[in-house]
Amino acid sequence: MQHQIARSIDDVARVLEFLVRGGIQADNLGSRAVTLDASTGWVGKLDAVYLTVTTNAVVDTETGFAHTLGRVPAGYIVVKRAGGGVVYNGTTAWTATTIYLKCTTVANVVTLIVF
């Protein structure tokens, strides 16, 4: 459990570093609303995409999820979960097309912002 908490704290730190180092630029903030473009999955004017996935049917088992970001993501934010549990990074390196995640509950429907 402490390992998962440490990973979560590390993930939050990466998100904050990304934002502080210019992940969101002034021209990205034309609208304060962060909405989903249903045709592309893009999150408003941010360099991020929404991704809704169903986690593995086996607890704590890594699964690859395709994304359309077009680059290796810096991280993700869990926006919504259908059930409890913690979503966390798998051990496989992310690519420009796939992120690898695990979850502490089975077959959980999770919506993420991948950035």
N, C-alpha and C. Protein backbone atom coordinates (compact mmCIF):
# COMPACT_ATOMS: atom_id res chain seq x y z
N MET A 1 0.82 -1.19 0.00
CA MET A 1 0.00 0.00 0.00
C MET A 1 0.87 1.26 0.00
N GLN A 2 1.95 1.27 0.80
CA GLN A 2 2.81 2.44 0.85
C GLN A 2 3.48 2.69 -0.50
N HIS A 3 3.80 1.59 -1.21
CA HIS A 3 4.40 1.72 -2.53
C HIS A 3 3.43 2.41 -3.49
N GLN A 4 2.14 2.05 -3.43
CA GLN A 4 1.14 2.67 -4.31
C GLN A 4 0.95 4.14 -3.97
N ILE A 5 0.97 4.47 -2.68
CA ILE A 5 0.84 5.87 -2.27
C ILE A 5 2.04 6.67 -2.78
N ALA A 6 3.22 6.10 -2.65
CA ALA A 6 4.43 6.77 -3.13
C ALA A 6 4.35 7.00 -4.63
N ARG A 7 3.86 5.99 -5.37
CA ARG A 7 3.71 6.14 -6.83
C ARG A 7 2.70 7.23 -7.15
N SER A 8 1.60 7.27 -6.40
CA SER A 8 0.58 8.30 -6.64
C SER A 8 1.14 9.69 -6.40
N ILE A 9 1.90 9.85 -5.34
CA ILE A 9 2.52 11.13 -5.04
C ILE A 9 3.49 11.51 -6.15
N ASP A 10 4.26 10.54 -6.62
CA ASP A 10 5.19 10.78 -7.73
C ASP A 10 4.44 11.20 -8.98
N ASP A 11 3.30 10.54 -9.27
CA ASP A 11 2.49 10.90 -10.44
C ASP A 11 1.98 12.33 -10.34
N VAL A 12 1.50 12.73 -9.16
CA VAL A 12 1.02 14.09 -8.96
C VAL A 12 2.17 15.08 -9.15
N ALA A 13 3.33 14.75 -8.65
CA ALA A 13 4.49 15.63 -8.81
C ALA A 13 4.84 15.81 -10.28
N ARG A 14 4.74 14.73 -11.08
CA ARG A 14 5.03 14.84 -12.51
C ARG A 14 4.01 15.72 -13.20
N VAL A 15 2.74 15.61 -12.81
CA VAL A 15 1.69 16.45 -13.40
C VAL A 15 1.98 17.91 -13.09
N LEU A 16 2.28 18.21 -11.84
CA LEU A 16 2.55 19.60 -11.45
C LEU A 16 3.78 20.14 -12.16
N GLU A 17 4.82 19.33 -12.28
CA GLU A 17 6.02 19.77 -12.99
C GLU A 17 5.69 20.06 -14.45
N PHE A 18 4.91 19.20 -15.08
CA PHE A 18 4.50 19.40 -16.47
C PHE A 18 3.77 20.73 -16.63
N LEU A 19 2.84 21.01 -15.72
CA LEU A 19 2.06 22.24 -15.79
C LEU A 19 2.93 23.46 -15.56
N VAL A 20 3.82 23.39 -14.57
CA VAL A 20 4.68 24.53 -14.24
C VAL A 20 5.66 24.81 -15.37
N ARG A 21 6.13 23.79 -16.03
CA ARG A 21 7.11 23.96 -17.11
C ARG A 21 6.48 24.31 -18.45
N GLY A 22 5.20 24.66 -18.44
CA GLY A 22 4.59 25.14 -19.68
C GLY A 22 3.66 24.17 -20.35
N GLY A 23 3.23 23.15 -19.66
CA GLY A 23 2.29 22.20 -20.24
C GLY A 23 1.01 22.86 -20.68
N ILE A 24 0.63 23.92 -20.01
CA ILE A 24 -0.52 24.70 -20.42
C ILE A 24 -0.01 26.11 -20.72
N GLN A 25 -0.15 26.51 -21.96
CA GLN A 25 0.31 27.82 -22.39
C GLN A 25 -0.84 28.82 -22.36
N ALA A 26 -0.52 30.10 -22.35
CA ALA A 26 -1.55 31.14 -22.30
C ALA A 26 -2.53 31.00 -23.46
N ASP A 27 -2.03 30.64 -24.65
CA ASP A 27 -2.94 30.52 -25.79
C ASP A 27 -3.83 29.28 -25.70
N ASN A 28 -3.53 28.36 -24.79
CA ASN A 28 -4.39 27.20 -24.55
C ASN A 28 -5.61 27.57 -23.72
N LEU A 29 -5.58 28.73 -23.10
CA LEU A 29 -6.61 29.10 -22.14
C LEU A 29 -7.65 30.04 -22.74
N GLY A 30 -7.86 29.96 -24.03
CA GLY A 30 -8.85 30.80 -24.69
C GLY A 30 -10.22 30.62 -24.08
N SER A 31 -10.50 29.44 -23.60
CA SER A 31 -11.75 29.15 -22.92
C SER A 31 -11.41 28.42 -21.63
N ARG A 32 -12.05 28.79 -20.55
CA ARG A 32 -11.78 28.10 -19.29
C ARG A 32 -12.46 26.74 -19.23
N ALA A 33 -13.40 26.50 -20.12
CA ALA A 33 -14.08 25.21 -20.15
C ALA A 33 -13.16 24.17 -20.77
N VAL A 34 -13.02 23.04 -20.11
CA VAL A 34 -12.25 21.94 -20.64
C VAL A 34 -13.25 20.89 -21.09
N THR A 35 -13.49 20.85 -22.40
CA THR A 35 -14.54 19.99 -22.94
C THR A 35 -13.94 18.95 -23.86
N LEU A 36 -14.69 17.90 -24.08
CA LEU A 36 -14.27 16.82 -24.95
C LEU A 36 -14.76 17.06 -26.36
N ASP A 37 -13.84 17.03 -27.32
CA ASP A 37 -14.23 17.04 -28.73
C ASP A 37 -14.51 15.59 -29.10
N ALA A 38 -15.78 15.25 -29.23
CA ALA A 38 -16.19 13.86 -29.43
C ALA A 38 -15.58 13.25 -30.69
N SER A 39 -15.28 14.07 -31.69
CA SER A 39 -14.74 13.52 -32.93
C SER A 39 -13.27 13.14 -32.82
N THR A 40 -12.53 13.80 -31.93
CA THR A 40 -11.09 13.54 -31.82
C THR A 40 -10.66 12.99 -30.47
N GLY A 41 -11.47 13.22 -29.43
CA GLY A 41 -11.05 12.83 -28.08
C GLY A 41 -10.17 13.87 -27.41
N TRP A 42 -9.88 14.99 -28.10
CA TRP A 42 -9.01 16.02 -27.54
C TRP A 42 -9.72 16.78 -26.43
N VAL A 43 -8.97 17.20 -25.43
CA VAL A 43 -9.49 17.93 -24.28
C VAL A 43 -9.32 19.42 -24.54
N GLY A 44 -10.41 20.07 -24.98
CA GLY A 44 -10.35 21.51 -25.25
C GLY A 44 -9.14 21.86 -26.10
N LYS A 45 -8.40 22.89 -25.68
CA LYS A 45 -7.21 23.32 -26.41
C LYS A 45 -5.93 22.79 -25.76
N LEU A 46 -6.06 21.88 -24.81
CA LEU A 46 -4.90 21.32 -24.15
C LEU A 46 -4.29 20.22 -25.00
N ASP A 47 -3.01 19.98 -24.81
CA ASP A 47 -2.33 18.88 -25.50
C ASP A 47 -2.58 17.61 -24.70
N ALA A 48 -3.83 17.14 -24.75
CA ALA A 48 -4.26 15.99 -23.95
C ALA A 48 -5.47 15.36 -24.61
N VAL A 49 -5.72 14.09 -24.28
CA VAL A 49 -6.89 13.39 -24.80
C VAL A 49 -7.63 12.70 -23.66
N TYR A 50 -8.96 12.61 -23.81
CA TYR A 50 -9.75 11.78 -22.92
C TYR A 50 -9.62 10.34 -23.36
N LEU A 51 -9.63 9.44 -22.40
CA LEU A 51 -9.55 8.03 -22.70
C LEU A 51 -10.42 7.29 -21.69
N THR A 52 -11.42 6.55 -22.16
CA THR A 52 -12.25 5.72 -21.28
C THR A 52 -11.88 4.27 -21.54
N VAL A 53 -11.48 3.58 -20.47
CA VAL A 53 -10.99 2.20 -20.59
C VAL A 53 -11.65 1.32 -19.55
N THR A 54 -11.61 0.03 -19.79
CA THR A 54 -12.02 -0.94 -18.78
C THR A 54 -10.77 -1.69 -18.35
N THR A 55 -10.48 -1.65 -17.06
CA THR A 55 -9.26 -2.28 -16.56
C THR A 55 -9.38 -3.80 -16.65
N ASN A 56 -8.27 -4.46 -16.44
CA ASN A 56 -8.18 -5.91 -16.58
C ASN A 56 -9.14 -6.64 -15.64
N ALA A 57 -9.56 -7.82 -16.03
CA ALA A 57 -10.46 -8.65 -15.22
C ALA A 57 -9.71 -9.36 -14.09
N VAL A 58 -8.39 -9.18 -14.04
CA VAL A 58 -7.57 -9.73 -12.95
C VAL A 58 -6.93 -8.56 -12.22
N VAL A 59 -7.10 -8.52 -10.91
CA VAL A 59 -6.57 -7.43 -10.08
C VAL A 59 -5.07 -7.25 -10.30
N ASP A 60 -4.63 -6.00 -10.36
CA ASP A 60 -3.21 -5.64 -10.44
C ASP A 60 -2.50 -6.27 -11.64
N THR A 61 -3.22 -6.42 -12.74
CA THR A 61 -2.64 -6.96 -13.97
C THR A 61 -2.52 -5.85 -15.00
N GLU A 62 -1.33 -5.71 -15.54
CA GLU A 62 -1.07 -4.65 -16.51
C GLU A 62 -1.85 -4.87 -17.81
N THR A 63 -2.39 -3.76 -18.33
CA THR A 63 -3.08 -3.78 -19.61
C THR A 63 -2.64 -2.56 -20.40
N GLY A 64 -2.43 -2.75 -21.71
CA GLY A 64 -2.10 -1.64 -22.59
C GLY A 64 -3.36 -1.01 -23.14
N PHE A 65 -3.40 0.32 -23.15
CA PHE A 65 -4.55 1.06 -23.67
C PHE A 65 -4.07 2.01 -24.76
N ALA A 66 -4.68 1.90 -25.94
CA ALA A 66 -4.32 2.77 -27.06
C ALA A 66 -4.79 4.20 -26.80
N HIS A 67 -3.98 5.16 -27.21
CA HIS A 67 -4.36 6.58 -27.11
C HIS A 67 -4.01 7.27 -28.42
N THR A 68 -4.54 8.45 -28.63
CA THR A 68 -4.31 9.18 -29.89
C THR A 68 -3.52 10.46 -29.67
N LEU A 69 -2.74 10.51 -28.61
CA LEU A 69 -1.97 11.72 -28.29
C LEU A 69 -0.89 11.99 -29.34
N GLY A 70 -0.34 10.95 -29.93
CA GLY A 70 0.68 11.13 -30.96
C GLY A 70 2.08 11.33 -30.42
N ARG A 71 2.27 11.12 -29.14
CA ARG A 71 3.59 11.22 -28.51
C ARG A 71 3.53 10.40 -27.21
N VAL A 72 4.68 10.19 -26.60
CA VAL A 72 4.71 9.49 -25.32
C VAL A 72 4.12 10.42 -24.26
N PRO A 73 3.09 9.99 -23.55
CA PRO A 73 2.46 10.86 -22.55
C PRO A 73 3.40 11.20 -21.39
N ALA A 74 3.15 12.35 -20.78
CA ALA A 74 3.86 12.74 -19.57
C ALA A 74 3.17 12.16 -18.33
N GLY A 75 1.86 11.91 -18.44
CA GLY A 75 1.11 11.38 -17.31
C GLY A 75 -0.37 11.32 -17.63
N TYR A 76 -1.15 11.13 -16.59
CA TYR A 76 -2.60 11.05 -16.75
C TYR A 76 -3.26 11.49 -15.45
N ILE A 77 -4.52 11.87 -15.58
CA ILE A 77 -5.34 12.23 -14.43
C ILE A 77 -6.60 11.38 -14.50
N VAL A 78 -6.93 10.71 -13.40
CA VAL A 78 -8.17 9.94 -13.35
C VAL A 78 -9.30 10.93 -13.14
N VAL A 79 -10.24 10.97 -14.09
CA VAL A 79 -11.36 11.90 -14.04
C VAL A 79 -12.58 11.25 -13.38
N LYS A 80 -12.78 9.96 -13.70
CA LYS A 80 -13.97 9.28 -13.20
C LYS A 80 -13.70 7.79 -13.14
N ARG A 81 -14.27 7.13 -12.12
CA ARG A 81 -14.19 5.67 -11.99
C ARG A 81 -15.58 5.14 -11.72
N ALA A 82 -15.90 4.00 -12.30
CA ALA A 82 -17.20 3.37 -12.05
C ALA A 82 -17.21 2.67 -10.70
N GLY A 83 -16.06 2.30 -10.20
CA GLY A 83 -15.95 1.61 -8.91
C GLY A 83 -14.79 2.16 -8.11
N GLY A 84 -14.49 1.52 -7.03
CA GLY A 84 -13.36 1.94 -6.20
C GLY A 84 -12.06 1.52 -6.84
N GLY A 85 -11.03 1.52 -6.06
CA GLY A 85 -9.74 1.06 -6.55
C GLY A 85 -8.83 2.20 -6.96
N VAL A 86 -7.59 1.83 -7.18
CA VAL A 86 -6.55 2.78 -7.56
C VAL A 86 -5.99 2.37 -8.90
N VAL A 87 -5.91 3.31 -9.82
CA VAL A 87 -5.28 3.09 -11.12
C VAL A 87 -3.83 3.56 -10.98
N TYR A 88 -2.91 2.72 -11.44
CA TYR A 88 -1.50 3.09 -11.33
C TYR A 88 -0.72 2.55 -12.52
N ASN A 89 0.51 3.05 -12.69
CA ASN A 89 1.34 2.71 -13.84
C ASN A 89 1.72 1.24 -13.83
N GLY A 90 1.74 0.67 -15.04
CA GLY A 90 2.31 -0.66 -15.21
C GLY A 90 3.82 -0.55 -15.31
N THR A 91 4.49 -1.64 -15.62
CA THR A 91 5.95 -1.63 -15.70
C THR A 91 6.47 -1.44 -17.12
N THR A 92 5.62 -1.65 -18.12
CA THR A 92 6.02 -1.49 -19.52
C THR A 92 6.11 0.00 -19.86
N ALA A 93 7.15 0.37 -20.59
CA ALA A 93 7.33 1.77 -20.98
C ALA A 93 6.20 2.21 -21.92
N TRP A 94 5.70 3.41 -21.69
CA TRP A 94 4.66 3.97 -22.55
C TRP A 94 5.25 4.31 -23.91
N THR A 95 4.36 4.32 -24.91
CA THR A 95 4.79 4.68 -26.27
C THR A 95 3.91 5.82 -26.78
N ALA A 96 4.16 6.22 -28.00
CA ALA A 96 3.36 7.29 -28.63
C ALA A 96 1.95 6.83 -28.96
N THR A 97 1.66 5.55 -28.77
CA THR A 97 0.32 5.03 -29.08
C THR A 97 -0.33 4.26 -27.94
N THR A 98 0.43 3.89 -26.90
CA THR A 98 -0.10 3.01 -25.85
C THR A 98 0.43 3.39 -24.47
N ILE A 99 -0.49 3.41 -23.48
CA ILE A 99 -0.06 3.52 -22.08
C ILE A 99 -0.39 2.20 -21.39
N TYR A 100 0.37 1.87 -20.35
CA TYR A 100 0.20 0.61 -19.65
C TYR A 100 -0.14 0.90 -18.19
N LEU A 101 -1.31 0.41 -17.78
CA LEU A 101 -1.80 0.70 -16.44
C LEU A 101 -2.26 -0.57 -15.74
N LYS A 102 -2.36 -0.47 -14.41
CA LYS A 102 -2.91 -1.53 -13.58
C LYS A 102 -3.99 -0.91 -12.70
N CYS A 103 -4.83 -1.75 -12.09
CA CYS A 103 -5.86 -1.26 -11.19
C CYS A 103 -6.05 -2.27 -10.05
N THR A 104 -6.36 -1.75 -8.87
CA THR A 104 -6.53 -2.61 -7.70
C THR A 104 -7.91 -3.25 -7.62
N THR A 105 -8.78 -2.95 -8.59
CA THR A 105 -10.08 -3.62 -8.68
C THR A 105 -10.24 -4.18 -10.09
N VAL A 106 -11.16 -5.11 -10.24
CA VAL A 106 -11.33 -5.78 -11.54
C VAL A 106 -12.33 -5.05 -12.43
N ALA A 107 -12.06 -5.07 -13.73
CA ALA A 107 -12.97 -4.57 -14.76
C ALA A 107 -13.64 -3.25 -14.39
N ASN A 108 -12.83 -2.31 -13.96
CA ASN A 108 -13.31 -0.99 -13.57
C ASN A 108 -13.31 -0.08 -14.79
N VAL A 109 -14.41 0.59 -15.07
CA VAL A 109 -14.48 1.55 -16.18
C VAL A 109 -13.93 2.88 -15.67
N VAL A 110 -12.87 3.35 -16.31
CA VAL A 110 -12.14 4.53 -15.84
C VAL A 110 -12.01 5.53 -16.98
N THR A 111 -12.26 6.80 -16.70
CA THR A 111 -12.03 7.86 -17.66
C THR A 111 -10.79 8.64 -17.22
N LEU A 112 -9.87 8.82 -18.15
CA LEU A 112 -8.60 9.49 -17.87
C LEU A 112 -8.42 10.69 -18.79
N ILE A 113 -7.66 11.66 -18.35
CA ILE A 113 -7.09 12.66 -19.26
C ILE A 113 -5.63 12.28 -19.39
N VAL A 114 -5.22 11.94 -20.59
CA VAL A 114 -3.84 11.56 -20.87
C VAL A 114 -3.16 12.76 -21.49
N PHE A 115 -2.03 13.18 -20.91
CA PHE A 115 -1.34 14.38 -21.40
C PHE A 115 0.15 14.14 -21.58
